[in-house]
Structure formats: structure tokens, C-alpha cells
Amino acid sequence: MNWDVLSADCLSVLHEVLTALREPAQAAARRLAQCLRDGHKVLLCGNGGSAADAQHMAAELVNRFLRDRRGLPAVALTTDTSVLTAVGNDAGFESVFARQVEALGRPGDALVAFSTSGRSPNVLRAMETAHAAGLWVLAVTGGDGGRMPPLADAVLSVSAASLTPRIQEGHQLLIHILCELIEEAFAS
């Protein structure tokens, strides 16, 4: 590992998130905050590290980020092993998130879909199901967004030049930015 190259790559992602993604992240946070203010919920999904991102963001919204406030309704669709294995067994792994969106999502809710490549079939199917059910969809992805952009109402994509670990680091920063902005909206 070349520490200087690693440092430069990490700083590049940080700079991109704080500059190029500033406006779209602020707009996404406003939309998510409005969804929550209107009494709706946020559903989140992803695979692997992106599943952890979905769980991380849900936890920050349900509990708290920096301030004490009421809990906000957010559900990571990645955590119920009985549902995941039942749907995966009966309908296939491509349906594990879509089936939950169908069961839990209501018009006015939001889906935050994480995928570093933008090509995860189960995440894409969840996005399609969310739109059909009247949910607002935020794609958090990398590179060109893969197949996610046409299925999303908003896209936060970390650069194509980044490797998967750098994209995931950008996603973690975006999660914290979104949660802080949402929390600020509830403080005022």
C-alpha cells in the first residue's frame, strides 16, 4: 500500500462529496426531512457494505445523530433474516428488498437505495417497486450510477475514478451529512 496514493484518493473523495455533491445532498436531505415531517418513513436497502450503510443511516435516524430529538421512522430492509431468507427461498434473492417495499412502503415514503456499482438486481427491483408504490427514491451509488439513475428521483454518486472502498467511504460521509441536515430540519 502506498500511503501517499491512499491519502490522495481519500482526500479526492472527501473533496468531491463536499463540493460536487453538496447541492444534490442538500436537496436530498430537504426531501427526506419533508417526507419525515409529513409523517412518512424512510426505507433503506443495499448489499454487503451497502447493507451496513443502510443499517447505519436507519440507526442514526431512529435514535439520534448529534441532538436529542424524537425518533424518526426509518427501516433498514437488510436486517430481518427470517424475511430475507423466506423471500430469497420462495421468490429469489432479486426480490428480497422489493417484497419488503411492497409490504411496508406507502405513497409519500422514501427509499434510500445503496449500491457502489449501481447494478445490484435486488436493489434495482426495490427501486422499481418503490416507484410503482409512490415512494420517492434516492440512489446512493458510485461511478456512472450503473442502472440506478433512471430509476431514481435523485442520485448521489461518488466518482468513477474511485475504487469500491473509496466509494463506500464517500457514502459514509454522505450518510453523516444527510443525517445532520435532516436533524437540523427537526431542530428548527
N, C-alpha and C. Protein backbone atom coordinates (compact mmCIF):
# COMPACT_ATOMS: atom_id res chain seq x y z
N MET A 1 0.85 -1.17 0.00
CA MET A 1 0.00 0.00 0.00
C MET A 1 0.89 1.24 0.00
N ASN A 2 0.62 2.13 -0.90
CA ASN A 2 1.32 3.40 -0.95
C ASN A 2 0.50 4.43 -0.20
N TRP A 3 1.00 4.83 0.97
CA TRP A 3 0.26 5.74 1.85
C TRP A 3 -0.07 7.06 1.16
N ASP A 4 0.83 7.57 0.36
CA ASP A 4 0.60 8.85 -0.30
C ASP A 4 -0.53 8.75 -1.33
N VAL A 5 -0.56 7.64 -2.07
CA VAL A 5 -1.64 7.44 -3.04
C VAL A 5 -2.97 7.27 -2.31
N LEU A 6 -2.97 6.48 -1.25
CA LEU A 6 -4.18 6.28 -0.45
C LEU A 6 -4.69 7.61 0.09
N SER A 7 -3.79 8.40 0.64
CA SER A 7 -4.17 9.71 1.18
C SER A 7 -4.77 10.60 0.11
N ALA A 8 -4.14 10.62 -1.05
CA ALA A 8 -4.64 11.44 -2.16
C ALA A 8 -6.02 10.98 -2.60
N ASP A 9 -6.22 9.66 -2.69
CA ASP A 9 -7.52 9.12 -3.09
C ASP A 9 -8.61 9.48 -2.08
N CYS A 10 -8.30 9.34 -0.80
CA CYS A 10 -9.27 9.66 0.25
C CYS A 10 -9.61 11.14 0.24
N LEU A 11 -8.61 11.98 0.09
CA LEU A 11 -8.85 13.42 0.03
C LEU A 11 -9.66 13.80 -1.21
N SER A 12 -9.42 13.11 -2.30
CA SER A 12 -10.17 13.37 -3.52
C SER A 12 -11.66 13.06 -3.32
N VAL A 13 -11.97 11.95 -2.67
CA VAL A 13 -13.36 11.59 -2.39
C VAL A 13 -13.99 12.61 -1.45
N LEU A 14 -13.28 12.97 -0.41
CA LEU A 14 -13.76 13.97 0.53
C LEU A 14 -14.08 15.28 -0.20
N HIS A 15 -13.17 15.71 -1.04
CA HIS A 15 -13.37 16.95 -1.81
C HIS A 15 -14.59 16.85 -2.72
N GLU A 16 -14.73 15.72 -3.39
CA GLU A 16 -15.87 15.53 -4.30
C GLU A 16 -17.20 15.61 -3.55
N VAL A 17 -17.28 14.90 -2.43
CA VAL A 17 -18.53 14.90 -1.66
C VAL A 17 -18.85 16.31 -1.17
N LEU A 18 -17.84 17.03 -0.70
CA LEU A 18 -18.07 18.36 -0.12
C LEU A 18 -18.25 19.46 -1.16
N THR A 19 -17.91 19.19 -2.41
CA THR A 19 -18.08 20.21 -3.45
C THR A 19 -19.11 19.78 -4.49
N ALA A 20 -18.78 18.79 -5.30
CA ALA A 20 -19.65 18.40 -6.41
C ALA A 20 -20.98 17.83 -5.93
N LEU A 21 -21.00 17.17 -4.77
CA LEU A 21 -22.24 16.57 -4.29
C LEU A 21 -22.95 17.43 -3.25
N ARG A 22 -22.44 18.62 -3.02
CA ARG A 22 -23.02 19.49 -1.99
C ARG A 22 -24.49 19.81 -2.26
N GLU A 23 -24.78 20.36 -3.41
CA GLU A 23 -26.16 20.76 -3.74
C GLU A 23 -27.09 19.56 -3.81
N PRO A 24 -26.72 18.49 -4.53
CA PRO A 24 -27.65 17.35 -4.56
C PRO A 24 -27.86 16.71 -3.19
N ALA A 25 -26.84 16.70 -2.33
CA ALA A 25 -27.00 16.14 -0.98
C ALA A 25 -27.92 17.03 -0.14
N GLN A 26 -27.77 18.34 -0.26
CA GLN A 26 -28.64 19.24 0.48
C GLN A 26 -30.09 19.09 0.01
N ALA A 27 -30.29 18.97 -1.29
CA ALA A 27 -31.65 18.79 -1.82
C ALA A 27 -32.24 17.46 -1.35
N ALA A 28 -31.44 16.40 -1.35
CA ALA A 28 -31.92 15.09 -0.90
C ALA A 28 -32.29 15.14 0.58
N ALA A 29 -31.47 15.81 1.38
CA ALA A 29 -31.76 15.92 2.81
C ALA A 29 -33.06 16.69 3.04
N ARG A 30 -33.27 17.76 2.28
CA ARG A 30 -34.52 18.52 2.41
C ARG A 30 -35.72 17.64 2.07
N ARG A 31 -35.60 16.86 1.03
CA ARG A 31 -36.70 15.99 0.60
C ARG A 31 -36.97 14.90 1.63
N LEU A 32 -35.92 14.30 2.17
CA LEU A 32 -36.10 13.27 3.20
C LEU A 32 -36.69 13.87 4.47
N ALA A 33 -36.22 15.05 4.86
CA ALA A 33 -36.77 15.71 6.05
C ALA A 33 -38.26 16.02 5.85
N GLN A 34 -38.63 16.46 4.67
CA GLN A 34 -40.04 16.76 4.40
C GLN A 34 -40.88 15.48 4.46
N CYS A 35 -40.36 14.41 3.92
CA CYS A 35 -41.04 13.11 3.99
C CYS A 35 -41.31 12.75 5.46
N LEU A 36 -40.30 12.89 6.29
CA LEU A 36 -40.44 12.55 7.71
C LEU A 36 -41.37 13.53 8.43
N ARG A 37 -41.28 14.82 8.10
CA ARG A 37 -42.16 15.82 8.71
C ARG A 37 -43.62 15.55 8.38
N ASP A 38 -43.85 15.03 7.18
CA ASP A 38 -45.22 14.75 6.75
C ASP A 38 -45.76 13.43 7.31
N GLY A 39 -45.00 12.79 8.18
CA GLY A 39 -45.47 11.57 8.83
C GLY A 39 -45.18 10.30 8.07
N HIS A 40 -44.29 10.37 7.11
CA HIS A 40 -43.92 9.19 6.33
C HIS A 40 -42.64 8.59 6.88
N LYS A 41 -42.19 7.49 6.28
CA LYS A 41 -41.00 6.80 6.74
C LYS A 41 -39.98 6.67 5.62
N VAL A 42 -38.76 6.33 6.03
CA VAL A 42 -37.66 6.10 5.10
C VAL A 42 -37.29 4.62 5.17
N LEU A 43 -37.32 3.95 4.04
CA LEU A 43 -36.85 2.58 3.90
C LEU A 43 -35.46 2.63 3.28
N LEU A 44 -34.58 1.71 3.65
CA LEU A 44 -33.21 1.72 3.15
C LEU A 44 -32.78 0.31 2.79
N CYS A 45 -31.98 0.16 1.72
CA CYS A 45 -31.52 -1.16 1.34
C CYS A 45 -30.16 -1.10 0.66
N GLY A 46 -29.48 -2.23 0.63
CA GLY A 46 -28.18 -2.39 -0.01
C GLY A 46 -27.63 -3.76 0.34
N ASN A 47 -26.54 -4.14 -0.30
CA ASN A 47 -25.91 -5.44 -0.09
C ASN A 47 -24.51 -5.26 0.49
N GLY A 48 -24.07 -6.20 1.32
CA GLY A 48 -22.71 -6.16 1.85
C GLY A 48 -22.44 -4.89 2.63
N GLY A 49 -21.39 -4.17 2.25
CA GLY A 49 -21.07 -2.90 2.89
C GLY A 49 -22.20 -1.90 2.75
N SER A 50 -22.92 -1.98 1.66
CA SER A 50 -24.07 -1.09 1.46
C SER A 50 -25.23 -1.46 2.38
N ALA A 51 -25.33 -2.74 2.75
CA ALA A 51 -26.33 -3.14 3.76
C ALA A 51 -25.98 -2.50 5.09
N ALA A 52 -24.69 -2.49 5.41
CA ALA A 52 -24.24 -1.85 6.65
C ALA A 52 -24.54 -0.35 6.60
N ASP A 53 -24.37 0.26 5.42
CA ASP A 53 -24.69 1.69 5.27
C ASP A 53 -26.18 1.94 5.51
N ALA A 54 -27.03 1.06 4.96
CA ALA A 54 -28.47 1.20 5.16
C ALA A 54 -28.81 1.11 6.65
N GLN A 55 -28.21 0.16 7.34
CA GLN A 55 -28.45 -0.01 8.77
C GLN A 55 -27.91 1.18 9.56
N HIS A 56 -26.75 1.67 9.18
CA HIS A 56 -26.15 2.81 9.86
C HIS A 56 -27.07 4.03 9.76
N MET A 57 -27.54 4.34 8.57
CA MET A 57 -28.39 5.52 8.40
C MET A 57 -29.71 5.35 9.14
N ALA A 58 -30.29 4.16 9.07
CA ALA A 58 -31.55 3.91 9.80
C ALA A 58 -31.35 4.13 11.29
N ALA A 59 -30.24 3.64 11.83
CA ALA A 59 -29.97 3.79 13.26
C ALA A 59 -29.83 5.26 13.65
N GLU A 60 -29.14 6.04 12.82
CA GLU A 60 -28.95 7.47 13.12
C GLU A 60 -30.29 8.21 13.10
N LEU A 61 -31.20 7.81 12.22
CA LEU A 61 -32.50 8.46 12.14
C LEU A 61 -33.42 8.03 13.27
N VAL A 62 -33.47 6.75 13.56
CA VAL A 62 -34.35 6.25 14.60
C VAL A 62 -33.90 6.74 15.98
N ASN A 63 -32.61 6.68 16.25
CA ASN A 63 -32.11 7.06 17.57
C ASN A 63 -31.81 8.55 17.62
N ARG A 64 -30.66 8.94 17.17
CA ARG A 64 -30.24 10.34 17.13
C ARG A 64 -28.92 10.39 16.39
N PHE A 65 -28.60 11.55 15.88
CA PHE A 65 -27.29 11.73 15.27
C PHE A 65 -26.43 12.57 16.21
N LEU A 66 -26.70 13.86 16.31
CA LEU A 66 -25.96 14.73 17.22
C LEU A 66 -26.82 15.33 18.32
N ARG A 67 -28.12 15.38 18.09
CA ARG A 67 -29.02 16.07 19.02
C ARG A 67 -30.09 15.12 19.53
N ASP A 68 -30.54 15.40 20.75
CA ASP A 68 -31.70 14.68 21.26
C ASP A 68 -32.93 15.22 20.54
N ARG A 69 -33.74 14.35 20.05
CA ARG A 69 -34.96 14.69 19.32
C ARG A 69 -35.82 13.44 19.29
N ARG A 70 -37.03 13.59 18.78
CA ARG A 70 -37.87 12.40 18.67
C ARG A 70 -37.29 11.44 17.64
N GLY A 71 -37.58 10.18 17.81
CA GLY A 71 -37.13 9.19 16.84
C GLY A 71 -37.83 9.40 15.50
N LEU A 72 -37.10 9.18 14.44
CA LEU A 72 -37.65 9.32 13.09
C LEU A 72 -37.82 7.94 12.47
N PRO A 73 -38.95 7.69 11.80
CA PRO A 73 -39.23 6.36 11.28
C PRO A 73 -38.36 5.99 10.07
N ALA A 74 -37.44 5.08 10.32
CA ALA A 74 -36.55 4.58 9.27
C ALA A 74 -36.36 3.09 9.47
N VAL A 75 -36.39 2.33 8.38
CA VAL A 75 -36.29 0.88 8.46
C VAL A 75 -35.26 0.39 7.44
N ALA A 76 -34.24 -0.29 7.95
CA ALA A 76 -33.28 -0.96 7.06
C ALA A 76 -33.88 -2.29 6.65
N LEU A 77 -34.04 -2.49 5.37
CA LEU A 77 -34.65 -3.72 4.85
C LEU A 77 -33.65 -4.87 4.80
N THR A 78 -32.51 -4.69 5.43
CA THR A 78 -31.41 -5.64 5.37
C THR A 78 -31.28 -6.49 6.63
N THR A 79 -32.17 -6.29 7.62
CA THR A 79 -31.90 -6.84 8.95
C THR A 79 -32.75 -8.02 9.38
N ASP A 80 -33.88 -8.24 8.77
CA ASP A 80 -34.78 -9.31 9.22
C ASP A 80 -34.43 -10.61 8.48
N THR A 81 -33.64 -11.45 9.12
CA THR A 81 -33.16 -12.66 8.44
C THR A 81 -34.29 -13.61 8.07
N SER A 82 -35.35 -13.63 8.84
CA SER A 82 -36.47 -14.52 8.50
C SER A 82 -37.14 -14.06 7.21
N VAL A 83 -37.36 -12.75 7.09
CA VAL A 83 -37.96 -12.22 5.86
C VAL A 83 -36.99 -12.41 4.69
N LEU A 84 -35.73 -12.06 4.87
CA LEU A 84 -34.75 -12.17 3.79
C LEU A 84 -34.64 -13.61 3.28
N THR A 85 -34.58 -14.57 4.20
CA THR A 85 -34.42 -15.97 3.76
C THR A 85 -35.71 -16.54 3.20
N ALA A 86 -36.86 -16.14 3.75
CA ALA A 86 -38.13 -16.64 3.21
C ALA A 86 -38.34 -16.14 1.78
N VAL A 87 -38.15 -14.83 1.58
CA VAL A 87 -38.33 -14.27 0.24
C VAL A 87 -37.26 -14.81 -0.70
N GLY A 88 -36.01 -14.85 -0.22
CA GLY A 88 -34.93 -15.39 -1.06
C GLY A 88 -35.21 -16.83 -1.49
N ASN A 89 -35.72 -17.63 -0.58
CA ASN A 89 -36.02 -19.03 -0.88
C ASN A 89 -37.21 -19.18 -1.82
N ASP A 90 -38.26 -18.42 -1.56
CA ASP A 90 -39.51 -18.60 -2.31
C ASP A 90 -39.55 -17.82 -3.62
N ALA A 91 -38.99 -16.62 -3.62
CA ALA A 91 -39.11 -15.76 -4.81
C ALA A 91 -37.77 -15.44 -5.46
N GLY A 92 -36.67 -15.73 -4.77
CA GLY A 92 -35.34 -15.43 -5.30
C GLY A 92 -34.75 -14.20 -4.64
N PHE A 93 -33.42 -14.17 -4.59
CA PHE A 93 -32.70 -13.10 -3.91
C PHE A 93 -32.98 -11.73 -4.54
N GLU A 94 -33.32 -11.71 -5.83
CA GLU A 94 -33.61 -10.44 -6.51
C GLU A 94 -34.83 -9.75 -5.90
N SER A 95 -35.66 -10.48 -5.17
CA SER A 95 -36.91 -9.93 -4.64
C SER A 95 -36.87 -9.58 -3.16
N VAL A 96 -35.73 -9.79 -2.47
CA VAL A 96 -35.72 -9.64 -1.01
C VAL A 96 -36.04 -8.23 -0.54
N PHE A 97 -35.67 -7.21 -1.30
CA PHE A 97 -35.99 -5.84 -0.89
C PHE A 97 -37.32 -5.38 -1.50
N ALA A 98 -37.58 -5.76 -2.73
CA ALA A 98 -38.82 -5.35 -3.41
C ALA A 98 -40.04 -5.83 -2.65
N ARG A 99 -39.99 -7.05 -2.16
CA ARG A 99 -41.13 -7.60 -1.43
C ARG A 99 -41.39 -6.79 -0.15
N GLN A 100 -40.32 -6.37 0.52
CA GLN A 100 -40.48 -5.56 1.72
C GLN A 100 -40.99 -4.16 1.39
N VAL A 101 -40.52 -3.60 0.28
CA VAL A 101 -41.03 -2.29 -0.15
C VAL A 101 -42.53 -2.41 -0.43
N GLU A 102 -42.91 -3.49 -1.10
CA GLU A 102 -44.33 -3.73 -1.40
C GLU A 102 -45.15 -3.83 -0.11
N ALA A 103 -44.61 -4.51 0.89
CA ALA A 103 -45.34 -4.72 2.15
C ALA A 103 -45.35 -3.49 3.05
N LEU A 104 -44.25 -2.74 3.09
CA LEU A 104 -44.10 -1.66 4.06
C LEU A 104 -44.23 -0.26 3.48
N GLY A 105 -43.95 -0.11 2.21
CA GLY A 105 -43.94 1.21 1.60
C GLY A 105 -45.33 1.73 1.29
N ARG A 106 -45.50 3.02 1.52
CA ARG A 106 -46.76 3.71 1.23
C ARG A 106 -46.46 4.97 0.44
N PRO A 107 -47.41 5.46 -0.34
CA PRO A 107 -47.18 6.71 -1.07
C PRO A 107 -46.73 7.81 -0.10
N GLY A 108 -45.69 8.53 -0.50
CA GLY A 108 -45.14 9.59 0.34
C GLY A 108 -43.92 9.16 1.12
N ASP A 109 -43.70 7.84 1.27
CA ASP A 109 -42.49 7.33 1.92
C ASP A 109 -41.30 7.53 0.98
N ALA A 110 -40.12 7.24 1.48
CA ALA A 110 -38.90 7.33 0.66
C ALA A 110 -38.13 6.03 0.75
N LEU A 111 -37.41 5.73 -0.32
CA LEU A 111 -36.47 4.60 -0.34
C LEU A 111 -35.09 5.18 -0.60
N VAL A 112 -34.13 4.84 0.26
CA VAL A 112 -32.73 5.18 0.02
C VAL A 112 -32.05 3.87 -0.37
N ALA A 113 -31.58 3.80 -1.61
CA ALA A 113 -31.00 2.58 -2.17
C ALA A 113 -29.49 2.77 -2.34
N PHE A 114 -28.72 1.92 -1.68
CA PHE A 114 -27.26 1.97 -1.74
C PHE A 114 -26.73 0.87 -2.65
N SER A 115 -25.82 1.23 -3.57
CA SER A 115 -25.11 0.24 -4.38
C SER A 115 -23.88 0.92 -4.97
N THR A 116 -22.69 0.42 -4.64
CA THR A 116 -21.48 1.06 -5.15
C THR A 116 -21.41 0.98 -6.67
N SER A 117 -21.91 -0.10 -7.25
CA SER A 117 -21.86 -0.27 -8.71
C SER A 117 -23.10 0.24 -9.42
N GLY A 118 -24.22 0.29 -8.69
CA GLY A 118 -25.48 0.65 -9.33
C GLY A 118 -26.08 -0.47 -10.16
N ARG A 119 -25.60 -1.69 -9.93
CA ARG A 119 -26.04 -2.81 -10.76
C ARG A 119 -26.60 -3.98 -9.95
N SER A 120 -26.89 -3.80 -8.68
CA SER A 120 -27.39 -4.89 -7.84
C SER A 120 -28.85 -5.19 -8.19
N PRO A 121 -29.14 -6.38 -8.72
CA PRO A 121 -30.51 -6.67 -9.16
C PRO A 121 -31.57 -6.49 -8.08
N ASN A 122 -31.27 -6.89 -6.84
CA ASN A 122 -32.29 -6.77 -5.79
C ASN A 122 -32.53 -5.31 -5.41
N VAL A 123 -31.52 -4.47 -5.48
CA VAL A 123 -31.68 -3.04 -5.20
C VAL A 123 -32.45 -2.37 -6.34
N LEU A 124 -32.12 -2.72 -7.57
CA LEU A 124 -32.83 -2.16 -8.73
C LEU A 124 -34.31 -2.53 -8.70
N ARG A 125 -34.60 -3.78 -8.36
CA ARG A 125 -36.00 -4.22 -8.28
C ARG A 125 -36.74 -3.48 -7.16
N ALA A 126 -36.06 -3.22 -6.05
CA ALA A 126 -36.67 -2.46 -4.95
C ALA A 126 -37.01 -1.04 -5.43
N MET A 127 -36.12 -0.44 -6.21
CA MET A 127 -36.35 0.90 -6.73
C MET A 127 -37.56 0.92 -7.66
N GLU A 128 -37.66 -0.08 -8.52
CA GLU A 128 -38.82 -0.17 -9.43
C GLU A 128 -40.12 -0.31 -8.63
N THR A 129 -40.10 -1.17 -7.63
CA THR A 129 -41.28 -1.40 -6.79
C THR A 129 -41.64 -0.14 -6.03
N ALA A 130 -40.63 0.58 -5.55
CA ALA A 130 -40.87 1.82 -4.80
C ALA A 130 -41.58 2.85 -5.68
N HIS A 131 -41.12 3.01 -6.90
CA HIS A 131 -41.78 3.97 -7.79
C HIS A 131 -43.22 3.58 -8.08
N ALA A 132 -43.44 2.30 -8.29
CA ALA A 132 -44.80 1.82 -8.57
C ALA A 132 -45.72 2.07 -7.38
N ALA A 133 -45.15 2.08 -6.16
CA ALA A 133 -45.94 2.29 -4.94
C ALA A 133 -46.02 3.75 -4.52
N GLY A 134 -45.40 4.66 -5.28
CA GLY A 134 -45.49 6.09 -4.96
C GLY A 134 -44.47 6.59 -3.96
N LEU A 135 -43.34 5.89 -3.84
CA LEU A 135 -42.27 6.34 -2.95
C LEU A 135 -41.30 7.24 -3.72
N TRP A 136 -40.66 8.17 -3.02
CA TRP A 136 -39.58 8.97 -3.57
C TRP A 136 -38.31 8.16 -3.41
N VAL A 137 -37.44 8.11 -4.42
CA VAL A 137 -36.28 7.21 -4.41
C VAL A 137 -34.98 8.00 -4.54
N LEU A 138 -34.08 7.76 -3.58
CA LEU A 138 -32.73 8.32 -3.61
C LEU A 138 -31.74 7.19 -3.86
N ALA A 139 -30.94 7.32 -4.91
CA ALA A 139 -29.87 6.36 -5.21
C ALA A 139 -28.56 6.91 -4.66
N VAL A 140 -27.87 6.10 -3.87
CA VAL A 140 -26.54 6.45 -3.37
C VAL A 140 -25.61 5.41 -3.98
N THR A 141 -24.76 5.84 -4.92
CA THR A 141 -24.04 4.91 -5.76
C THR A 141 -22.64 5.42 -6.07
N GLY A 142 -22.00 4.79 -7.04
CA GLY A 142 -20.66 5.19 -7.46
C GLY A 142 -20.55 5.20 -8.97
N GLY A 143 -19.49 5.80 -9.44
CA GLY A 143 -19.22 5.83 -10.87
C GLY A 143 -20.33 6.52 -11.65
N ASP A 144 -20.75 5.89 -12.73
CA ASP A 144 -21.82 6.47 -13.55
C ASP A 144 -23.21 6.12 -13.01
N GLY A 145 -23.26 5.43 -11.88
CA GLY A 145 -24.53 5.06 -11.25
C GLY A 145 -25.11 3.77 -11.77
N GLY A 146 -24.43 3.15 -12.75
CA GLY A 146 -24.94 1.90 -13.29
C GLY A 146 -26.34 2.06 -13.84
N ARG A 147 -27.24 1.19 -13.40
CA ARG A 147 -28.63 1.22 -13.88
C ARG A 147 -29.55 1.98 -12.93
N MET A 148 -29.00 2.61 -11.89
CA MET A 148 -29.83 3.28 -10.90
C MET A 148 -30.41 4.63 -11.33
N PRO A 149 -29.66 5.50 -12.01
CA PRO A 149 -30.18 6.85 -12.27
C PRO A 149 -31.57 6.92 -12.89
N PRO A 150 -31.90 6.11 -13.90
CA PRO A 150 -33.25 6.24 -14.45
C PRO A 150 -34.37 5.79 -13.50
N LEU A 151 -34.00 5.04 -12.46
CA LEU A 151 -34.98 4.54 -11.51
C LEU A 151 -35.09 5.42 -10.27
N ALA A 152 -34.28 6.50 -10.20
CA ALA A 152 -34.22 7.33 -9.01
C ALA A 152 -34.77 8.73 -9.27
N ASP A 153 -35.28 9.34 -8.20
CA ASP A 153 -35.69 10.73 -8.25
C ASP A 153 -34.50 11.65 -8.00
N ALA A 154 -33.50 11.14 -7.29
CA ALA A 154 -32.26 11.88 -7.01
C ALA A 154 -31.13 10.87 -6.90
N VAL A 155 -29.93 11.32 -7.30
CA VAL A 155 -28.77 10.43 -7.31
C VAL A 155 -27.60 11.13 -6.64
N LEU A 156 -26.95 10.44 -5.72
CA LEU A 156 -25.69 10.87 -5.13
C LEU A 156 -24.66 9.83 -5.53
N SER A 157 -23.78 10.17 -6.47
CA SER A 157 -22.82 9.21 -6.99
C SER A 157 -21.39 9.68 -6.77
N VAL A 158 -20.62 8.85 -6.09
CA VAL A 158 -19.20 9.13 -5.87
C VAL A 158 -18.44 8.69 -7.12
N SER A 159 -17.46 9.45 -7.52
CA SER A 159 -16.72 9.34 -8.77
C SER A 159 -16.38 7.94 -9.27
N ALA A 160 -16.37 7.84 -10.60
CA ALA A 160 -15.99 6.59 -11.27
C ALA A 160 -14.52 6.27 -11.05
N ALA A 161 -13.71 7.26 -10.77
CA ALA A 161 -12.27 7.04 -10.58
C ALA A 161 -11.98 6.34 -9.26
N SER A 162 -12.97 6.29 -8.39
CA SER A 162 -12.76 5.72 -7.06
C SER A 162 -12.95 4.21 -7.06
N LEU A 163 -12.14 3.54 -6.25
CA LEU A 163 -12.31 2.12 -6.02
C LEU A 163 -13.46 1.92 -5.04
N THR A 164 -13.98 0.71 -4.97
CA THR A 164 -15.11 0.42 -4.09
C THR A 164 -14.89 0.92 -2.65
N PRO A 165 -13.72 0.69 -2.03
CA PRO A 165 -13.56 1.20 -0.67
C PRO A 165 -13.68 2.73 -0.59
N ARG A 166 -13.17 3.44 -1.59
CA ARG A 166 -13.28 4.91 -1.57
C ARG A 166 -14.73 5.33 -1.78
N ILE A 167 -15.46 4.63 -2.66
CA ILE A 167 -16.88 4.93 -2.86
C ILE A 167 -17.63 4.74 -1.55
N GLN A 168 -17.35 3.63 -0.85
CA GLN A 168 -18.01 3.37 0.42
C GLN A 168 -17.66 4.44 1.46
N GLU A 169 -16.43 4.92 1.46
CA GLU A 169 -16.06 6.00 2.37
C GLU A 169 -16.83 7.27 2.04
N GLY A 170 -17.02 7.53 0.75
CA GLY A 170 -17.84 8.67 0.34
C GLY A 170 -19.28 8.50 0.79
N HIS A 171 -19.79 7.28 0.71
CA HIS A 171 -21.16 7.01 1.17
C HIS A 171 -21.30 7.25 2.66
N GLN A 172 -20.30 6.85 3.43
CA GLN A 172 -20.35 7.08 4.88
C GLN A 172 -20.41 8.57 5.19
N LEU A 173 -19.61 9.36 4.48
CA LEU A 173 -19.64 10.80 4.68
C LEU A 173 -21.01 11.36 4.27
N LEU A 174 -21.55 10.88 3.17
CA LEU A 174 -22.88 11.33 2.73
C LEU A 174 -23.95 10.98 3.76
N ILE A 175 -23.87 9.80 4.35
CA ILE A 175 -24.84 9.41 5.39
C ILE A 175 -24.79 10.41 6.53
N HIS A 176 -23.60 10.74 6.98
CA HIS A 176 -23.48 11.68 8.10
C HIS A 176 -23.98 13.07 7.71
N ILE A 177 -23.68 13.51 6.51
CA ILE A 177 -24.17 14.81 6.06
C ILE A 177 -25.69 14.81 6.00
N LEU A 178 -26.27 13.79 5.38
CA LEU A 178 -27.74 13.70 5.27
C LEU A 178 -28.38 13.69 6.66
N CYS A 179 -27.84 12.87 7.56
CA CYS A 179 -28.43 12.77 8.90
C CYS A 179 -28.31 14.09 9.66
N GLU A 180 -27.20 14.76 9.53
CA GLU A 180 -27.04 16.04 10.22
C GLU A 180 -28.00 17.08 9.67
N LEU A 181 -28.15 17.13 8.36
CA LEU A 181 -29.07 18.11 7.76
C LEU A 181 -30.53 17.78 8.10
N ILE A 182 -30.87 16.51 8.11
CA ILE A 182 -32.25 16.11 8.48
C ILE A 182 -32.50 16.49 9.93
N GLU A 183 -31.54 16.21 10.79
CA GLU A 183 -31.70 16.53 12.20
C GLU A 183 -31.83 18.04 12.41
N GLU A 184 -31.06 18.83 11.68
CA GLU A 184 -31.18 20.30 11.77
C GLU A 184 -32.58 20.75 11.37
N ALA A 185 -33.16 20.08 10.38
CA ALA A 185 -34.51 20.46 9.94
C ALA A 185 -35.54 20.22 11.05
N PHE A 186 -35.28 19.25 11.91
CA PHE A 186 -36.21 18.97 13.01
C PHE A 186 -35.93 19.83 14.23
N ALA A 187 -34.77 20.47 14.27
CA ALA A 187 -34.43 21.35 15.39
C ALA A 187 -35.05 22.72 15.22
N SER A 188 -35.38 23.09 13.97
CA SER A 188 -35.91 24.45 13.73
C SER A 188 -37.42 24.48 13.68
